Protein backbone atom coordinates (compact mmCIF):
# COMPACT_ATOMS: atom_id res chain seq x y z
CA MET A 1 30.01 50.27 64.12
CA ARG A 2 26.42 49.85 65.27
CA ARG A 3 25.97 53.63 64.95
CA ALA A 4 27.37 53.47 61.43
CA LEU A 5 24.88 50.70 60.62
CA ALA A 6 22.06 52.89 61.92
CA CYS A 7 23.25 55.67 59.59
CA ALA A 8 23.33 53.16 56.72
CA GLN A 9 19.76 52.12 57.48
CA ALA A 10 18.72 55.79 57.42
CA ALA A 11 20.40 56.16 54.03
CA ALA A 12 18.46 53.15 52.70
CA GLN A 13 15.18 54.60 53.96
CA ALA A 14 16.02 57.81 52.09
CA GLY A 15 16.66 55.86 48.88
CA GLU A 16 20.45 56.20 49.07
CA ALA A 17 22.91 53.31 48.94
CA PRO A 18 23.05 52.11 52.55
CA VAL A 19 26.45 53.21 53.78
CA GLY A 20 27.03 54.91 57.11
CA ALA A 21 30.10 56.39 58.77
CA VAL A 22 31.03 57.55 62.26
CA LEU A 23 34.16 59.47 63.31
CA VAL A 24 35.38 58.92 66.86
CA ASP A 25 38.15 60.37 69.02
CA PRO A 26 39.74 57.16 70.37
CA ALA A 27 41.28 59.02 73.31
CA THR A 28 37.89 60.05 74.72
CA GLY A 29 35.44 57.79 72.90
CA GLU A 30 33.55 60.91 71.78
CA VAL A 31 31.60 60.67 68.54
CA LEU A 32 32.59 63.76 66.56
CA ALA A 33 30.47 63.15 63.48
CA GLU A 34 28.22 60.61 61.86
CA ALA A 35 26.79 60.56 58.39
CA ALA A 36 24.87 58.55 55.82
CA ASN A 37 25.38 58.37 52.08
CA ALA A 38 23.64 61.35 50.48
CA PRO A 39 24.76 61.95 46.87
CA ILE A 40 21.19 61.83 45.55
CA ALA A 41 19.70 64.15 48.17
CA ARG A 42 22.60 66.61 48.02
CA HIS A 43 23.01 66.44 44.24
CA ASP A 44 26.67 65.81 44.99
CA PRO A 45 28.61 62.79 43.73
CA THR A 46 31.14 63.30 46.53
CA ALA A 47 28.54 63.04 49.31
CA HIS A 48 29.60 59.56 50.38
CA ALA A 49 29.12 58.83 54.08
CA GLU A 50 32.86 58.95 54.79
CA ILE A 51 33.34 62.35 53.18
CA CYS A 52 30.22 63.78 54.83
CA ALA A 53 31.50 62.62 58.23
CA ILE A 54 34.98 64.02 57.55
CA ARG A 55 33.50 67.40 56.53
CA ALA A 56 31.31 67.52 59.62
CA ALA A 57 34.15 66.65 62.00
CA ALA A 58 36.54 69.10 60.33
CA GLY A 59 33.95 71.85 60.64
CA ARG A 60 33.26 71.00 64.26
CA LEU A 61 36.95 70.96 65.16
CA GLY A 62 37.90 73.91 62.95
CA ASN A 63 40.71 71.93 61.36
CA TYR A 64 41.03 70.01 58.12
CA ARG A 65 43.54 67.66 59.75
CA LEU A 66 41.76 65.01 61.79
CA THR A 67 44.97 63.30 62.87
CA GLY A 68 44.42 60.21 64.95
CA LEU A 69 40.63 60.02 64.71
CA TRP A 70 39.03 56.67 63.91
CA LEU A 71 36.50 56.20 61.13
CA TYR A 72 33.95 53.41 61.33
CA VAL A 73 32.21 52.79 58.00
CA THR A 74 29.92 49.98 56.93
CA LEU A 75 31.53 49.40 53.51
CA GLU A 76 35.13 49.39 52.32
CA PRO A 77 35.88 52.97 51.23
CA CYS A 78 36.13 53.71 47.52
CA ALA A 79 39.26 55.33 46.04
CA MET A 80 37.78 58.83 46.40
CA CYS A 81 37.01 58.31 50.07
CA ALA A 82 40.38 56.65 50.70
CA GLY A 83 42.02 59.75 49.24
CA ALA A 84 40.00 61.99 51.56
CA ILE A 85 40.87 59.75 54.53
CA SER A 86 44.55 60.09 53.70
CA HIS A 87 44.35 63.88 53.31
CA ALA A 88 42.48 64.17 56.62
CA ARG A 89 45.20 62.12 58.34
CA LEU A 90 42.80 59.74 60.04
CA GLY A 91 44.51 57.28 62.36
CA ARG A 92 42.41 54.21 61.72
CA VAL A 93 39.69 53.02 59.37
CA VAL A 94 37.44 50.20 60.51
CA PHE A 95 35.02 48.97 57.88
CA GLY A 96 32.35 46.30 57.67
CA ALA A 97 31.85 44.68 54.29
CA ASP A 98 34.48 44.31 51.59
CA ASP A 99 33.65 45.96 48.27
CA PRO A 100 35.33 43.88 45.52
CA LYS A 101 33.70 45.99 42.79
CA GLY A 102 34.16 49.55 44.06
CA GLY A 103 36.51 49.37 47.03
CA GLY A 104 39.72 51.34 47.05
CA VAL A 105 41.45 49.96 50.15
CA ARG A 106 41.66 46.16 49.85
CA HIS A 107 40.40 46.08 46.27
CA GLY A 108 40.74 48.21 43.15
CA ALA A 109 43.14 51.13 43.51
CA ARG A 110 44.41 50.09 46.96
CA VAL A 111 45.09 53.75 47.65
CA PHE A 112 46.96 53.27 50.92
CA ASP A 113 49.39 50.82 49.28
CA GLN A 114 50.49 53.31 46.62
CA PRO A 115 53.96 54.87 46.99
CA THR A 116 52.41 58.30 46.31
CA CYS A 117 50.07 58.00 49.31
CA HIS A 118 51.40 60.45 51.91
CA TRP A 119 49.39 59.21 54.91
CA ARG A 120 48.36 55.65 55.62
CA PRO A 121 45.89 54.92 58.39
CA GLU A 122 45.69 51.59 60.12
CA VAL A 123 42.96 49.54 58.43
CA GLN A 124 40.74 46.85 59.89
CA GLY A 125 38.05 45.23 57.80
CA GLY A 126 35.28 42.82 58.61
CA LEU A 127 33.69 44.36 61.71
CA LEU A 128 29.98 43.43 61.53
CA ALA A 129 30.65 42.59 57.89
CA GLU A 130 27.66 40.29 57.50
CA ASP A 131 25.26 42.89 58.93
CA SER A 132 26.64 45.51 56.55
CA ALA A 133 26.57 43.16 53.55
CA ALA A 134 23.04 41.98 54.33
CA LEU A 135 21.78 45.57 54.41
CA LEU A 136 23.40 46.28 51.04
CA ARG A 137 22.07 43.06 49.47
CA SER A 138 18.56 43.72 50.72
CA PHE A 139 18.61 47.31 49.45
CA PHE A 140 19.82 46.44 45.96
CA ARG A 141 17.62 43.34 45.68
CA ALA A 142 14.56 45.50 46.36
CA ARG A 143 15.65 48.11 43.80
CA ARG A 144 16.19 45.52 41.09
CA GLY A 145 12.68 44.24 41.69
């Protein structure tokens, strides 16, 4: 999660919402991909950190199924990212801060709880939650002036 926080800090420095994600093979501990939020830089509304990391890992492995990999992300995934996580067949999602406004796992759409969700990863929230939340608060406080 510390690597994901470093990615989130890089996103903030680039003017993006500070969210970072890291995909790990739990069997080996190998980091397969890491990414920061980049929708502004990429001119792509889908360029959330989770999706960028999933794309990078899928490209590296040559497979769109990332069955069993673990995703560490600093903020509760939104519904779009939760959908991508399900389609990628990730084994576990570990996130930092809850997102009551835009989250799609514990809040909002609760994608993994829906009967139409075909793949449900294990979910753990709250890892380094205060560090993640503090980074987000600081970023948005500065932008609001």
